[in-house]
Amino acid sequence: MKTYQHIFFDLDHTLWDYDTNAMTALHELYDHYRFDQITHFDKQTFVQHFFDVNNELWSLFNKHQIQREQIRERRFATILERLGAKLDIVPQQLDFEYVELCPTKEAVFEGAHDILDYLKERYQLHIITNGFDDVQTIKMKSAKLDHYFDVIVTSENSKSRKPSAPIFEQALLRTGAVLNESIMIGDNLESDIQGAKDFGMDHVWFNPSKQTSHFPPTYEIQMLSQLRNLL
């Protein structure tokens, strides 16, 4: 086992439980606006369409095909259009309210705080995320994750996005880390794991759903607690 000094974590879907927090926020908005009375779709259908559309838009964003503003402009309009809802009865500020509400939710993956307590005593911990400064800051404070990390590198403040090399270069530069003493931990096979691999950085694929990979990652785990066996 190599000796590492710096650990770089992804945030969404790795530590902060995006799906649970998004679902909670969407349920609250569905109830608040009484969608059950003005539309024909239920909560489960609303949430599933959100995840489908959101994943599509974020994939385009990570490929530099759309900008941040276009995610917010298109997201709920596309969802409601696919659901066949009459847009004139749906609140125009829905996406704004979602963006305000969702980051305040505090669900994290099982064992997140315990493993961070363990690692914080042994390593320097940092974040590399394709999210935006303001939103990611709120998420980390809400979930009590902020005090674990020394440097937060985002797509916004680095002007680059995983899997591109410049965001990893910025991470090393801003933390003073050395490549062969650094390791990346993330869930996304393309942006986190392929990005780290192409950059020459060791990596841990957090893969709770046991997906298959077209290449062998340096390490693979299904639970965050398994990091104790690696680090």
C-alpha atoms as a PDB file:
ATOM      1  CA  MET A   1       0.000   0.000   0.000  1.00  0.00           C
ATOM      2  CA  LYS A   2       1.348   3.395  -0.975  1.00  0.00           C
ATOM      3  CA  THR A   3       1.672   6.171   1.545  1.00  0.00           C
ATOM      4  CA  TYR A   4      -0.737   9.012   0.826  1.00  0.00           C
ATOM      5  CA  GLN A   5      -0.737  12.506   2.290  1.00  0.00           C
ATOM      6  CA  HIS A   6      -3.690  14.129   0.526  1.00  0.00           C
ATOM      7  CA  ILE A   7      -7.151  12.673  -0.073  1.00  0.00           C
ATOM      8  CA  PHE A   8      -9.474  14.339  -2.574  1.00  0.00           C
ATOM      9  CA  PHE A   9     -13.181  13.562  -2.242  1.00  0.00           C
ATOM     10  CA  ASP A  10     -16.016  14.161  -4.643  1.00  0.00           C
ATOM     11  CA  LEU A  11     -19.059  15.600  -2.834  1.00  0.00           C
ATOM     12  CA  ASP A  12     -22.385  14.737  -4.496  1.00  0.00           C
ATOM     13  CA  HIS A  13     -23.252  11.023  -4.589  1.00  0.00           C
ATOM     14  CA  THR A  14     -20.049  10.251  -2.629  1.00  0.00           C
ATOM     15  CA  LEU A  15     -20.469  11.981   0.731  1.00  0.00           C
ATOM     16  CA  TRP A  16     -23.580  14.148   0.375  1.00  0.00           C
ATOM     17  CA  ASP A  17     -26.528  11.898  -0.520  1.00  0.00           C
ATOM     18  CA  TYR A  18     -27.823  13.823  -3.514  1.00  0.00           C
ATOM     19  CA  ASP A  19     -30.670  11.463  -4.387  1.00  0.00           C
ATOM     20  CA  THR A  20     -32.142  11.376  -0.884  1.00  0.00           C
ATOM     21  CA  ASN A  21     -31.827  15.124  -0.414  1.00  0.00           C
ATOM     22  CA  ALA A  22     -33.253  15.917  -3.841  1.00  0.00           C
ATOM     23  CA  MET A  23     -36.191  13.586  -3.273  1.00  0.00           C
ATOM     24  CA  THR A  24     -36.946  15.210   0.079  1.00  0.00           C
ATOM     25  CA  ALA A  25     -36.899  18.687  -1.477  1.00  0.00           C
ATOM     26  CA  LEU A  26     -39.057  17.614  -4.421  1.00  0.00           C
ATOM     27  CA  HIS A  27     -41.634  16.038  -2.127  1.00  0.00           C
ATOM     28  CA  GLU A  28     -41.842  19.268  -0.142  1.00  0.00           C
ATOM     29  CA  LEU A  29     -42.324  21.338  -3.290  1.00  0.00           C
ATOM     30  CA  TYR A  30     -44.932  18.894  -4.620  1.00  0.00           C
ATOM     31  CA  ASP A  31     -46.913  19.220  -1.389  1.00  0.00           C
ATOM     32  CA  HIS A  32     -46.410  22.970  -1.068  1.00  0.00           C
ATOM     33  CA  TYR A  33     -47.819  23.671  -4.527  1.00  0.00           C
ATOM     34  CA  ARG A  34     -50.473  20.944  -4.237  1.00  0.00           C
ATOM     35  CA  PHE A  35     -49.465  19.354  -7.488  1.00  0.00           C
ATOM     36  CA  ASP A  36     -51.791  16.469  -6.706  1.00  0.00           C
ATOM     37  CA  GLN A  37     -54.689  18.887  -7.220  1.00  0.00           C
ATOM     38  CA  ILE A  38     -53.504  20.771 -10.306  1.00  0.00           C
ATOM     39  CA  THR A  39     -51.678  18.008 -12.220  1.00  0.00           C
ATOM     40  CA  HIS A  40     -52.199  14.348 -13.052  1.00  0.00           C
ATOM     41  CA  PHE A  41     -48.822  12.959 -11.934  1.00  0.00           C
ATOM     42  CA  ASP A  42     -47.884  11.607  -8.498  1.00  0.00           C
ATOM     43  CA  LYS A  43     -44.770  12.294  -6.414  1.00  0.00           C
ATOM     44  CA  GLN A  44     -42.909   9.210  -7.555  1.00  0.00           C
ATOM     45  CA  THR A  45     -43.385  10.078 -11.232  1.00  0.00           C
ATOM     46  CA  PHE A  46     -42.359  13.684 -10.581  1.00  0.00           C
ATOM     47  CA  VAL A  47     -39.166  12.595  -8.808  1.00  0.00           C
ATOM     48  CA  GLN A  48     -38.224   9.998 -11.441  1.00  0.00           C
ATOM     49  CA  HIS A  49     -38.595  12.515 -14.263  1.00  0.00           C
ATOM     50  CA  PHE A  50     -36.495  14.977 -12.285  1.00  0.00           C
ATOM     51  CA  PHE A  51     -33.603  12.524 -11.966  1.00  0.00           C
ATOM     52  CA  ASP A  52     -33.795  11.555 -15.645  1.00  0.00           C
ATOM     53  CA  VAL A  53     -33.749  15.155 -16.870  1.00  0.00           C
ATOM     54  CA  ASN A  54     -31.250  16.331 -14.267  1.00  0.00           C
ATOM     55  CA  ASN A  55     -28.775  13.585 -15.186  1.00  0.00           C
ATOM     56  CA  GLU A  56     -29.118  14.455 -18.873  1.00  0.00           C
ATOM     57  CA  LEU A  57     -28.437  18.141 -18.247  1.00  0.00           C
ATOM     58  CA  TRP A  58     -25.497  17.555 -15.924  1.00  0.00           C
ATOM     59  CA  SER A  59     -23.966  15.202 -18.471  1.00  0.00           C
ATOM     60  CA  LEU A  60     -24.182  17.991 -21.057  1.00  0.00           C
ATOM     61  CA  PHE A  61     -22.700  20.439 -18.550  1.00  0.00           C
ATOM     62  CA  ASN A  62     -19.756  18.164 -17.771  1.00  0.00           C
ATOM     63  CA  LYS A  63     -19.098  17.851 -21.508  1.00  0.00           C
ATOM     64  CA  HIS A  64     -19.053  21.665 -21.815  1.00  0.00           C
ATOM     65  CA  GLN A  65     -22.141  21.599 -24.049  1.00  0.00           C
ATOM     66  CA  ILE A  66     -24.317  23.814 -21.821  1.00  0.00           C
ATOM     67  CA  GLN A  67     -23.706  26.330 -19.028  1.00  0.00           C
ATOM     68  CA  ARG A  68     -24.953  26.543 -15.454  1.00  0.00           C
ATOM     69  CA  GLU A  69     -27.801  28.901 -16.338  1.00  0.00           C
ATOM     70  CA  GLN A  70     -29.115  26.495 -18.952  1.00  0.00           C
ATOM     71  CA  ILE A  71     -29.436  23.711 -16.391  1.00  0.00           C
ATOM     72  CA  ARG A  72     -31.737  25.904 -14.355  1.00  0.00           C
ATOM     73  CA  GLU A  73     -33.610  27.259 -17.356  1.00  0.00           C
ATOM     74  CA  ARG A  74     -34.311  23.865 -18.885  1.00  0.00           C
ATOM     75  CA  ARG A  75     -34.687  21.519 -15.929  1.00  0.00           C
ATOM     76  CA  PHE A  76     -38.241  21.896 -14.666  1.00  0.00           C
ATOM     77  CA  ALA A  77     -39.592  23.128 -17.985  1.00  0.00           C
ATOM     78  CA  THR A  78     -38.380  19.872 -19.571  1.00  0.00           C
ATOM     79  CA  ILE A  79     -39.691  17.756 -16.701  1.00  0.00           C
ATOM     80  CA  LEU A  80     -43.160  19.290 -16.819  1.00  0.00           C
ATOM     81  CA  GLU A  81     -43.289  19.166 -20.593  1.00  0.00           C
ATOM     82  CA  ARG A  82     -42.509  15.443 -20.544  1.00  0.00           C
ATOM     83  CA  LEU A  83     -45.188  14.970 -17.902  1.00  0.00           C
ATOM     84  CA  GLY A  84     -47.704  16.783 -20.080  1.00  0.00           C
ATOM     85  CA  ALA A  85     -48.377  19.462 -17.464  1.00  0.00           C
ATOM     86  CA  LYS A  86     -49.833  22.811 -18.403  1.00  0.00           C
ATOM     87  CA  LEU A  87     -46.956  25.181 -17.802  1.00  0.00           C
ATOM     88  CA  ASP A  88     -49.254  28.139 -17.123  1.00  0.00           C
ATOM     89  CA  ILE A  89     -50.455  26.559 -13.875  1.00  0.00           C
ATOM     90  CA  VAL A  90     -46.975  25.656 -12.641  1.00  0.00           C
ATOM     91  CA  PRO A  91     -45.044  28.264 -10.618  1.00  0.00           C
ATOM     92  CA  GLN A  92     -42.333  29.933 -12.696  1.00  0.00           C
ATOM     93  CA  GLN A  93     -39.957  30.104  -9.725  1.00  0.00           C
ATOM     94  CA  LEU A  94     -39.953  26.326  -9.211  1.00  0.00           C
ATOM     95  CA  ASP A  95     -36.318  25.765 -10.168  1.00  0.00           C
ATOM     96  CA  PHE A  96     -35.167  28.727  -8.083  1.00  0.00           C
ATOM     97  CA  GLU A  97     -37.002  27.341  -5.056  1.00  0.00           C
ATOM     98  CA  TYR A  98     -35.547  23.880  -5.629  1.00  0.00           C
ATOM     99  CA  VAL A  99     -32.012  25.285  -5.801  1.00  0.00           C
ATOM    100  CA  GLU A 100     -32.648  27.210  -2.588  1.00  0.00           C
ATOM    101  CA  LEU A 101     -34.169  24.254  -0.753  1.00  0.00           C
ATOM    102  CA  CYS A 102     -32.240  21.153  -1.779  1.00  0.00           C
ATOM    103  CA  PRO A 103     -28.760  22.197  -0.543  1.00  0.00           C
ATOM    104  CA  THR A 104     -30.151  22.748   2.962  1.00  0.00           C
ATOM    105  CA  LYS A 105     -30.881  19.032   3.330  1.00  0.00           C
ATOM    106  CA  GLU A 106     -28.412  17.118   5.459  1.00  0.00           C
ATOM    107  CA  ALA A 107     -28.476  13.455   4.422  1.00  0.00           C
ATOM    108  CA  VAL A 108     -25.058  11.873   3.892  1.00  0.00           C
ATOM    109  CA  PHE A 109     -24.080   8.340   2.958  1.00  0.00           C
ATOM    110  CA  GLU A 110     -23.873   5.794   5.751  1.00  0.00           C
ATOM    111  CA  GLY A 111     -20.661   6.116   7.715  1.00  0.00           C
ATOM    112  CA  ALA A 112     -19.614   9.420   6.132  1.00  0.00           C
ATOM    113  CA  HIS A 113     -18.915  11.301   9.359  1.00  0.00           C
ATOM    114  CA  ASP A 114     -17.269   8.309  11.035  1.00  0.00           C
ATOM    115  CA  ILE A 115     -14.826   7.716   8.197  1.00  0.00           C
ATOM    116  CA  LEU A 116     -14.046  11.425   7.879  1.00  0.00           C
ATOM    117  CA  ASP A 117     -13.306  11.577  11.608  1.00  0.00           C
ATOM    118  CA  TYR A 118     -10.909   8.676  11.122  1.00  0.00           C
ATOM    119  CA  LEU A 119      -9.224  10.113   8.017  1.00  0.00           C
ATOM    120  CA  LYS A 120      -8.972  13.693   9.304  1.00  0.00           C
ATOM    121  CA  GLU A 121      -6.528  12.570  11.991  1.00  0.00           C
ATOM    122  CA  ARG A 122      -4.250  10.940   9.408  1.00  0.00           C
ATOM    123  CA  TYR A 123      -4.486  12.884   6.132  1.00  0.00           C
ATOM    124  CA  GLN A 124      -5.171  16.268   4.628  1.00  0.00           C
ATOM    125  CA  LEU A 125      -8.663  16.143   3.149  1.00  0.00           C
ATOM    126  CA  HIS A 126      -9.968  18.185   0.218  1.00  0.00           C
ATOM    127  CA  ILE A 127     -12.930  18.333  -2.156  1.00  0.00           C
ATOM    128  CA  ILE A 128     -12.944  18.314  -5.966  1.00  0.00           C
ATOM    129  CA  THR A 129     -16.465  18.880  -7.280  1.00  0.00           C
ATOM    130  CA  ASN A 130     -18.111  19.896 -10.518  1.00  0.00           C
ATOM    131  CA  GLY A 131     -20.676  21.783  -8.465  1.00  0.00           C
ATOM    132  CA  PHE A 132     -20.875  25.515  -7.892  1.00  0.00           C
ATOM    133  CA  ASP A 133     -19.277  27.478  -5.036  1.00  0.00           C
ATOM    134  CA  ASP A 134     -22.435  28.837  -3.403  1.00  0.00           C
ATOM    135  CA  VAL A 135     -24.476  25.637  -3.589  1.00  0.00           C
ATOM    136  CA  GLN A 136     -21.691  23.297  -2.462  1.00  0.00           C
ATOM    137  CA  THR A 137     -20.857  25.536   0.489  1.00  0.00           C
ATOM    138  CA  ILE A 138     -24.452  25.365   1.722  1.00  0.00           C
ATOM    139  CA  LYS A 139     -24.562  21.589   1.275  1.00  0.00           C
ATOM    140  CA  MET A 140     -21.400  21.054   3.272  1.00  0.00           C
ATOM    141  CA  LYS A 141     -22.496  23.317   6.122  1.00  0.00           C
ATOM    142  CA  SER A 142     -25.985  21.792   6.242  1.00  0.00           C
ATOM    143  CA  ALA A 143     -24.589  18.264   6.416  1.00  0.00           C
ATOM    144  CA  LYS A 144     -21.810  19.246   8.869  1.00  0.00           C
ATOM    145  CA  LEU A 145     -19.091  18.271   6.409  1.00  0.00           C
ATOM    146  CA  ASP A 146     -17.343  21.611   5.993  1.00  0.00           C
ATOM    147  CA  HIS A 147     -14.919  21.365   8.928  1.00  0.00           C
ATOM    148  CA  TYR A 148     -13.229  18.247   7.574  1.00  0.00           C
ATOM    149  CA  PHE A 149     -11.785  19.817   4.435  1.00  0.00           C
ATOM    150  CA  ASP A 150      -8.875  22.173   3.891  1.00  0.00           C
ATOM    151  CA  VAL A 151      -9.366  23.148   0.228  1.00  0.00           C
ATOM    152  CA  ILE A 152     -12.552  23.053  -1.864  1.00  0.00           C
ATOM    153  CA  VAL A 153     -11.926  22.977  -5.613  1.00  0.00           C
ATOM    154  CA  THR A 154     -15.062  23.489  -7.712  1.00  0.00           C
ATOM    155  CA  SER A 155     -15.700  23.702 -11.432  1.00  0.00           C
ATOM    156  CA  GLU A 156     -16.526  27.350 -10.809  1.00  0.00           C
ATOM    157  CA  ASN A 157     -13.419  28.460  -8.932  1.00  0.00           C
ATOM    158  CA  SER A 158     -11.071  26.333 -11.048  1.00  0.00           C
ATOM    159  CA  LYS A 159     -12.753  27.200 -14.364  1.00  0.00           C
ATOM    160  CA  SER A 160     -12.499  23.533 -15.303  1.00  0.00           C
ATOM    161  CA  ARG A 161     -14.504  20.358 -14.793  1.00  0.00           C
ATOM    162  CA  LYS A 162     -13.767  16.746 -14.072  1.00  0.00           C
ATOM    163  CA  PRO A 163     -12.652  14.666 -15.940  1.00  0.00           C
ATOM    164  CA  SER A 164     -10.454  17.383 -17.497  1.00  0.00           C
ATOM    165  CA  ALA A 165      -6.866  17.538 -16.244  1.00  0.00           C
ATOM    166  CA  PRO A 166      -6.845  21.269 -15.324  1.00  0.00           C
ATOM    167  CA  ILE A 167      -9.163  20.809 -12.334  1.00  0.00           C
ATOM    168  CA  PHE A 168      -6.810  18.157 -10.928  1.00  0.00           C
ATOM    169  CA  GLU A 169      -3.825  20.402 -11.659  1.00  0.00           C
ATOM    170  CA  GLN A 170      -5.534  23.214  -9.765  1.00  0.00           C
ATOM    171  CA  ALA A 171      -6.199  20.867  -6.864  1.00  0.00           C
ATOM    172  CA  LEU A 172      -2.521  19.937  -6.546  1.00  0.00           C
ATOM    173  CA  LEU A 173      -1.414  23.542  -6.939  1.00  0.00           C
ATOM    174  CA  ARG A 174      -3.779  24.935  -4.330  1.00  0.00           C
ATOM    175  CA  THR A 175      -3.162  22.192  -1.774  1.00  0.00           C
ATOM    176  CA  GLY A 176       0.574  21.776  -2.298  1.00  0.00           C
ATOM    177  CA  ALA A 177      -0.028  18.085  -2.839  1.00  0.00           C
ATOM    178  CA  VAL A 178       2.281  15.777  -4.780  1.00  0.00           C
ATOM    179  CA  LEU A 179       0.647  13.526  -7.369  1.00  0.00           C
ATOM    180  CA  ASN A 180       2.068  10.217  -6.154  1.00  0.00           C
ATOM    181  CA  GLU A 181       1.020  11.019  -2.580  1.00  0.00           C
ATOM    182  CA  SER A 182      -2.571  11.868  -3.552  1.00  0.00           C
ATOM    183  CA  ILE A 183      -5.705   9.800  -4.093  1.00  0.00           C
ATOM    184  CA  MET A 184      -9.182  10.624  -5.444  1.00  0.00           C
ATOM    185  CA  ILE A 185     -12.400   9.136  -4.042  1.00  0.00           C
ATOM    186  CA  GLY A 186     -15.597   9.444  -6.045  1.00  0.00           C
ATOM    187  CA  ASP A 187     -18.655   7.698  -7.423  1.00  0.00           C
ATOM    188  CA  ASN A 188     -18.725   8.835 -11.044  1.00  0.00           C
ATOM    189  CA  LEU A 189     -16.824   6.446 -13.261  1.00  0.00           C
ATOM    190  CA  GLU A 190     -16.289   9.029 -15.992  1.00  0.00           C
ATOM    191  CA  SER A 191     -15.643  12.299 -14.198  1.00  0.00           C
ATOM    192  CA  ASP A 192     -14.058  11.107 -10.938  1.00  0.00           C
ATOM    193  CA  ILE A 193     -12.402   7.812 -11.751  1.00  0.00           C
ATOM    194  CA  GLN A 194     -11.513   8.108 -15.428  1.00  0.00           C
ATOM    195  CA  GLY A 195     -10.476  11.708 -14.785  1.00  0.00           C
ATOM    196  CA  ALA A 196      -8.123  10.712 -11.966  1.00  0.00           C
ATOM    197  CA  LYS A 197      -6.811   7.734 -13.938  1.00  0.00           C
ATOM    198  CA  ASP A 198      -6.000   9.862 -16.991  1.00  0.00           C
ATOM    199  CA  PHE A 199      -4.280  12.397 -14.743  1.00  0.00           C
ATOM    200  CA  GLY A 200      -2.150   9.655 -13.201  1.00  0.00           C
ATOM    201  CA  MET A 201      -3.737   9.868  -9.742  1.00  0.00           C
ATOM    202  CA  ASP A 202      -4.642   6.788  -7.720  1.00  0.00           C
ATOM    203  CA  HIS A 203      -8.370   6.529  -7.095  1.00  0.00           C
ATOM    204  CA  VAL A 204     -11.079   4.758  -5.133  1.00  0.00           C
ATOM    205  CA  TRP A 205     -14.338   4.068  -6.929  1.00  0.00           C
ATOM    206  CA  PHE A 206     -17.260   4.379  -4.498  1.00  0.00           C
ATOM    207  CA  ASN A 207     -19.658   1.960  -6.169  1.00  0.00           C
ATOM    208  CA  PRO A 208     -22.546   1.100  -3.819  1.00  0.00           C
ATOM    209  CA  SER A 209     -24.777  -0.083  -6.677  1.00  0.00           C
ATOM    210  CA  LYS A 210     -22.088  -2.495  -7.929  1.00  0.00           C
ATOM    211  CA  GLN A 211     -21.929  -1.219 -11.480  1.00  0.00           C
ATOM    212  CA  THR A 212     -19.447  -2.698 -13.916  1.00  0.00           C
ATOM    213  CA  SER A 213     -16.396  -0.837 -15.181  1.00  0.00           C
ATOM    214  CA  HIS A 214     -14.598  -1.087 -18.526  1.00  0.00           C
ATOM    215  CA  PHE A 215     -11.269  -0.710 -16.716  1.00  0.00           C
ATOM    216  CA  PRO A 216      -9.983  -1.762 -13.291  1.00  0.00           C
ATOM    217  CA  PRO A 217      -9.867   1.152 -10.825  1.00  0.00           C
ATOM    218  CA  THR A 218      -7.016   1.369  -8.344  1.00  0.00           C
ATOM    219  CA  TYR A 219      -9.466   0.430  -5.570  1.00  0.00           C
ATOM    220  CA  GLU A 220     -13.208  -0.148  -5.373  1.00  0.00           C
ATOM    221  CA  ILE A 221     -15.559   0.015  -2.387  1.00  0.00           C
ATOM    222  CA  GLN A 222     -19.302  -0.342  -1.828  1.00  0.00           C
ATOM    223  CA  MET A 223     -19.384   1.340   1.593  1.00  0.00           C
ATOM    224  CA  LEU A 224     -17.435   4.317   2.894  1.00  0.00           C
ATOM    225  CA  SER A 225     -16.427   2.349   5.984  1.00  0.00           C
ATOM    226  CA  GLN A 226     -14.288   0.124   3.729  1.00  0.00           C
ATOM    227  CA  LEU A 227     -11.842   3.021   3.380  1.00  0.00           C
ATOM    228  CA  ARG A 228     -10.463   1.973   6.776  1.00  0.00           C
ATOM    229  CA  ASN A 229      -9.068  -1.147   5.086  1.00  0.00           C
ATOM    230  CA  LEU A 230      -7.333   0.936   2.411  1.00  0.00           C
ATOM    231  CA  LEU A 231      -6.159   4.080   4.187  1.00  0.00           C
END
